[in-house]
Amino acid sequence: MLKKLTVIFVIIILLLFFFLIKITNTKSLSQINFNKLNFIAHAGGGYKNEIYLNSKESITKSIERGYKLIELDLLETADGLIVAAHDWESLKKNCILYNEALNHKPLEFKKFTKCNLQKNSTNFTQLSEEDINEIFFKFQDLFLVTDKINNYKLLADKFNFIDRIFPETFSLYDYLLAKYYGFQNPIFPYKKYNSFFGKLFNIKLINVSYSDYIKDKNKISKLYNKGLNIYVYTTNDESFINKNINKNITGVYSDFWDINLNKCLSNNKCISY
């Protein structure tokens, strides 16, 4: 009896979420032409053969290369602000003159701004929430794909272009929460996808790792042919890109692919990983 009541309760909660999702009023997937959105600039995009930068320089270079989808790894500072960085430990490791513990503990925003990020003797400009808002205000045709962060309330509060944000989610709960806070186009993880919830909650945007795509190519291709928009992370490989985009998948996350030139611009990283 208790088990039956639990199931009923879960169904009621899901239906309530479904109702809330249906009444959201932001731009839907049907209004976005994904045929021209085949490439996502991974972590802002590669720059000077460096990846995972999440920097102003990498975004600027990606825009020059023709990208309209910019992915950023977003973290929360200790005092509740949003900044772009892959993770706290690697950020601290590459901060000039940083001499405190190398761990994943969040920095306060003031310390983040004093980081002076440098990789292989090249300085990079870090991005605050204000910087990100300015970039996406200047370039109205850009879309932001977010990674790491799952505080969707904070994300909605801090950014003023919510209809152009595709937040990556990591579970069904995350997906529903993102929808609740007004994100009409969350990205759902392939490993958590099933057709029942896909149809119930109209999941149309999925990302999948390169290794999982290779393993489940036929299954994923069928999902694509059923109308799902599917992005594979991460590849800079010309053969993979030309063979699969708009055939088996919608697009890819990439570091060094130049959309304008239709080729990879790296000496040794034109690979999938």
Protein backbone atom coordinates (compact mmCIF):
# COMPACT_ATOMS: atom_id res chain seq x y z
CA MET A 1 0.00 0.00 0.00
CA LEU A 2 2.80 2.39 0.95
CA LYS A 3 4.63 1.63 -2.29
CA LYS A 4 1.48 2.33 -4.29
CA LEU A 5 0.96 5.70 -2.54
CA THR A 6 4.57 6.61 -3.21
CA VAL A 7 4.16 5.91 -6.92
CA ILE A 8 0.97 8.01 -7.03
CA PHE A 9 2.72 10.86 -5.23
CA VAL A 10 5.63 10.80 -7.67
CA ILE A 11 3.24 10.83 -10.63
CA ILE A 12 1.37 13.82 -9.19
CA ILE A 13 4.61 15.73 -8.69
CA LEU A 14 5.73 14.96 -12.25
CA LEU A 15 2.39 16.10 -13.65
CA LEU A 16 2.65 19.35 -11.70
CA PHE A 17 6.10 19.94 -13.15
CA PHE A 18 4.71 19.12 -16.59
CA PHE A 19 1.99 21.76 -16.11
CA LEU A 20 4.52 24.37 -15.04
CA ILE A 21 6.70 23.55 -18.04
CA LYS A 22 3.76 23.93 -20.43
CA ILE A 23 2.95 27.45 -19.20
CA THR A 24 6.47 28.85 -19.58
CA ASN A 25 6.62 31.58 -22.17
CA THR A 26 10.20 31.74 -23.44
CA LYS A 27 11.47 30.92 -26.93
CA SER A 28 10.89 27.27 -27.84
CA LEU A 29 13.03 24.92 -29.87
CA SER A 30 10.63 25.19 -32.79
CA GLN A 31 11.63 28.85 -33.18
CA ILE A 32 15.35 28.08 -33.42
CA ASN A 33 16.95 26.91 -36.65
CA PHE A 34 19.41 24.23 -35.56
CA ASN A 35 20.40 23.52 -39.16
CA LYS A 36 22.77 26.48 -38.89
CA LEU A 37 23.89 25.74 -35.33
CA ASN A 38 26.17 22.75 -35.85
CA PHE A 39 29.14 23.81 -33.72
CA ILE A 40 29.49 24.64 -30.04
CA ALA A 41 32.69 26.41 -28.95
CA HIS A 42 33.90 24.08 -26.20
CA ALA A 43 34.77 26.02 -23.00
CA GLY A 44 34.70 29.22 -25.03
CA GLY A 45 36.81 27.66 -27.76
CA GLY A 46 40.49 26.93 -28.22
CA TYR A 47 43.09 29.68 -28.46
CA LYS A 48 46.83 29.42 -29.20
CA ASN A 49 46.48 25.63 -29.01
CA GLU A 50 45.10 25.81 -25.45
CA ILE A 51 41.72 24.37 -24.41
CA TYR A 52 39.39 24.74 -21.40
CA LEU A 53 40.20 28.46 -21.23
CA ASN A 54 36.73 30.00 -20.69
CA SER A 55 38.35 33.35 -21.47
CA LYS A 56 37.50 36.53 -23.32
CA GLU A 57 40.21 35.75 -25.87
CA SER A 58 38.83 32.29 -26.63
CA ILE A 59 35.28 33.62 -27.12
CA THR A 60 36.54 36.43 -29.37
CA LYS A 61 38.42 33.91 -31.51
CA SER A 62 35.37 31.60 -31.67
CA ILE A 63 33.16 34.44 -32.87
CA GLU A 64 35.75 35.20 -35.58
CA ARG A 65 35.62 31.53 -36.60
CA GLY A 66 31.85 31.71 -37.10
CA TYR A 67 30.47 30.19 -33.88
CA LYS A 68 26.98 31.11 -32.68
CA LEU A 69 26.91 28.61 -29.79
CA ILE A 70 29.40 29.35 -27.01
CA GLU A 71 29.81 26.87 -24.15
CA LEU A 72 31.20 28.10 -20.83
CA ASP A 73 32.00 26.22 -17.64
CA LEU A 74 30.32 28.31 -14.95
CA LEU A 75 31.19 28.21 -11.24
CA GLU A 76 29.83 29.97 -8.17
CA THR A 77 32.24 32.05 -6.12
CA ALA A 78 32.24 31.79 -2.33
CA ASP A 79 30.17 34.99 -2.18
CA GLY A 80 27.51 33.88 -4.68
CA LEU A 81 28.59 35.32 -8.02
CA ILE A 82 28.98 33.44 -11.31
CA VAL A 83 32.35 33.23 -13.07
CA ALA A 84 33.72 31.20 -15.97
CA ALA A 85 36.34 28.56 -15.16
CA HIS A 86 36.65 24.82 -15.72
CA ASP A 87 37.25 24.06 -12.04
CA TRP A 88 38.69 25.84 -9.03
CA GLU A 89 41.79 23.69 -8.65
CA SER A 90 43.06 24.14 -12.21
CA LEU A 91 42.22 27.84 -12.07
CA LYS A 92 44.30 28.28 -8.90
CA LYS A 93 47.13 26.29 -10.44
CA ASN A 94 47.32 28.74 -13.36
CA CYS A 95 46.90 31.93 -11.35
CA ILE A 96 50.05 34.06 -11.27
CA LEU A 97 51.32 34.64 -7.71
CA TYR A 98 48.60 32.44 -6.16
CA ASN A 99 50.24 30.77 -3.15
CA GLU A 100 47.34 29.24 -1.23
CA ALA A 101 46.07 25.66 -1.22
CA LEU A 102 45.33 24.02 -4.58
CA ASN A 103 41.87 22.58 -4.01
CA HIS A 104 38.30 22.77 -5.27
CA LYS A 105 37.18 25.26 -2.63
CA PRO A 106 35.53 28.30 -4.30
CA LEU A 107 37.34 31.61 -4.23
CA GLU A 108 35.69 34.87 -3.29
CA PHE A 109 34.98 37.05 -6.30
CA LYS A 110 37.66 39.58 -5.31
CA LYS A 111 40.33 36.86 -5.31
CA PHE A 112 39.04 35.52 -8.63
CA THR A 113 39.50 38.94 -10.25
CA LYS A 114 43.09 39.08 -8.97
CA CYS A 115 43.96 35.66 -10.37
CA ASN A 116 45.84 36.83 -13.52
CA LEU A 117 45.33 33.61 -15.45
CA GLN A 118 48.29 32.40 -17.49
CA LYS A 119 48.94 29.22 -19.48
CA ASN A 120 52.21 28.48 -21.26
CA SER A 121 53.37 32.09 -20.85
CA THR A 122 50.17 33.50 -22.41
CA ASN A 123 47.88 35.70 -20.33
CA PHE A 124 44.12 35.30 -20.57
CA THR A 125 41.25 37.50 -19.47
CA GLN A 126 38.85 35.80 -17.06
CA LEU A 127 35.10 36.25 -17.35
CA SER A 128 32.74 37.45 -14.65
CA GLU A 129 28.94 37.36 -14.92
CA GLU A 130 29.05 41.04 -15.91
CA ASP A 131 31.54 40.31 -18.70
CA ILE A 132 29.35 37.48 -20.02
CA ASN A 133 26.26 39.68 -20.01
CA GLU A 134 28.15 42.37 -21.95
CA ILE A 135 29.36 39.92 -24.61
CA PHE A 136 25.91 38.45 -25.21
CA PHE A 137 24.32 41.90 -25.23
CA LYS A 138 26.79 43.00 -27.90
CA PHE A 139 26.30 39.87 -30.00
CA GLN A 140 22.55 39.31 -30.10
CA ASP A 141 22.84 36.26 -32.36
CA LEU A 142 24.94 34.28 -29.87
CA PHE A 143 23.61 31.46 -27.69
CA LEU A 144 25.20 30.40 -24.40
CA VAL A 145 25.57 26.73 -23.47
CA THR A 146 26.36 26.32 -19.78
CA ASP A 147 28.25 23.49 -18.09
CA LYS A 148 29.11 22.65 -14.46
CA ILE A 149 26.52 24.92 -12.83
CA ASN A 150 23.17 23.45 -11.78
CA ASN A 151 21.93 26.40 -9.72
CA TYR A 152 19.36 27.37 -12.33
CA LYS A 153 17.69 29.98 -10.14
CA LEU A 154 20.99 31.84 -9.80
CA LEU A 155 21.61 31.43 -13.53
CA ALA A 156 18.21 32.94 -14.34
CA ASP A 157 18.73 35.78 -11.86
CA LYS A 158 22.20 36.73 -13.08
CA PHE A 159 21.83 36.65 -16.86
CA ASN A 160 19.47 38.86 -18.82
CA PHE A 161 19.26 36.81 -22.05
CA ILE A 162 17.56 33.70 -20.69
CA ASP A 163 15.90 32.90 -24.04
CA ARG A 164 19.39 32.41 -25.53
CA ILE A 165 20.74 30.10 -22.82
CA PHE A 166 20.86 26.31 -23.19
CA PRO A 167 21.83 25.01 -19.75
CA GLU A 168 23.36 21.56 -19.62
CA THR A 169 21.49 19.40 -17.10
CA PHE A 170 22.67 16.25 -15.37
CA SER A 171 19.48 14.47 -14.35
CA LEU A 172 15.72 14.58 -14.89
CA TYR A 173 15.40 16.63 -11.71
CA ASP A 174 17.90 19.18 -13.06
CA TYR A 175 16.04 19.30 -16.36
CA LEU A 176 12.70 19.99 -14.68
CA LEU A 177 14.27 22.56 -12.37
CA ALA A 178 15.81 24.40 -15.31
CA LYS A 179 12.42 24.46 -17.03
CA TYR A 180 10.79 25.70 -13.84
CA TYR A 181 13.14 28.69 -13.74
CA GLY A 182 12.31 29.64 -17.30
CA PHE A 183 14.89 27.87 -19.46
CA GLN A 184 12.87 26.52 -22.34
CA ASN A 185 15.77 24.66 -23.96
CA PRO A 186 17.80 22.67 -21.41
CA ILE A 187 20.23 20.09 -22.74
CA PHE A 188 19.54 16.58 -21.43
CA PRO A 189 22.31 13.98 -20.91
CA TYR A 190 22.14 10.99 -23.23
CA LYS A 191 22.99 8.52 -20.45
CA LYS A 192 19.87 9.55 -18.52
CA TYR A 193 17.52 9.67 -21.51
CA ASN A 194 14.59 7.30 -22.00
CA SER A 195 11.72 7.58 -24.45
CA PHE A 196 8.96 7.76 -21.81
CA PHE A 197 10.28 10.88 -20.09
CA GLY A 198 11.50 12.19 -23.42
CA LYS A 199 7.94 12.25 -24.74
CA LEU A 200 6.33 13.30 -21.46
CA PHE A 201 8.55 16.34 -21.03
CA ASN A 202 9.22 17.00 -24.72
CA ILE A 203 13.00 16.56 -24.45
CA LYS A 204 14.46 17.62 -27.78
CA LEU A 205 18.04 18.63 -27.03
CA ILE A 206 20.63 16.03 -25.97
CA ASN A 207 24.40 15.89 -25.57
CA VAL A 208 26.51 12.75 -25.61
CA SER A 209 30.20 12.02 -25.11
CA TYR A 210 32.28 10.98 -28.09
CA SER A 211 32.99 7.56 -26.55
CA ASP A 212 29.28 6.91 -25.90
CA TYR A 213 28.43 8.00 -29.42
CA ILE A 214 30.91 5.54 -30.90
CA LYS A 215 29.52 2.78 -28.69
CA ASP A 216 25.82 3.54 -29.37
CA LYS A 217 25.97 5.13 -32.81
CA ASN A 218 23.02 3.27 -34.29
CA LYS A 219 20.76 3.98 -31.33
CA ILE A 220 21.74 7.67 -31.27
CA SER A 221 21.26 7.99 -35.02
CA LYS A 222 17.71 6.68 -34.62
CA LEU A 223 17.01 9.33 -31.98
CA TYR A 224 18.34 11.98 -34.35
CA ASN A 225 16.14 10.68 -37.16
CA LYS A 226 13.15 10.94 -34.82
CA GLY A 227 13.73 14.68 -34.50
CA LEU A 228 16.03 15.05 -31.50
CA ASN A 229 18.85 17.57 -31.68
CA ILE A 230 22.03 15.76 -30.60
CA TYR A 231 25.48 17.23 -29.94
CA VAL A 232 28.63 15.15 -29.44
CA TYR A 233 31.47 16.34 -27.20
CA THR A 234 34.29 16.85 -28.06
CA THR A 235 35.84 16.63 -31.54
CA ASN A 236 38.10 18.58 -33.87
CA ASP A 237 38.41 15.72 -36.35
CA GLU A 238 37.53 16.61 -39.95
CA SER A 239 36.57 13.07 -40.91
CA PHE A 240 34.18 12.64 -37.97
CA ILE A 241 32.63 16.08 -38.47
CA ASN A 242 32.01 15.72 -42.21
CA LYS A 243 30.77 12.15 -41.87
CA ASN A 244 28.23 12.73 -39.10
CA ILE A 245 26.90 16.29 -38.88
CA ASN A 246 23.38 16.61 -40.34
CA LYS A 247 23.45 12.88 -41.03
CA ASN A 248 23.57 11.16 -37.64
CA ILE A 249 23.83 14.13 -35.25
CA THR A 250 23.01 17.83 -35.19
CA GLY A 251 26.47 19.00 -34.28
CA VAL A 252 29.53 18.84 -32.06
CA TYR A 253 31.39 20.65 -29.32
CA SER A 254 34.74 21.70 -30.79
CA ASP A 255 37.88 23.59 -29.81
CA PHE A 256 39.73 24.39 -33.02
CA TRP A 257 37.27 23.90 -35.85
CA ASP A 258 36.99 27.01 -38.03
CA ILE A 259 33.44 27.13 -39.37
CA ASN A 260 34.27 29.76 -42.00
CA LEU A 261 37.21 27.77 -43.39
CA ASN A 262 35.65 24.34 -42.72
CA LYS A 263 38.82 22.93 -41.17
CA CYS A 264 40.63 22.38 -37.88
CA LEU A 265 43.23 25.01 -36.95
CA SER A 266 45.58 23.15 -34.66
CA ASN A 267 48.94 21.48 -35.18
CA ASN A 268 48.30 18.48 -32.94
CA LYS A 269 44.76 18.59 -31.50
CA CYS A 270 42.56 17.85 -34.50
CA ILE A 271 41.21 14.83 -32.67
CA SER A 272 38.17 13.53 -30.82
CA TYR A 273 38.22 13.01 -27.05
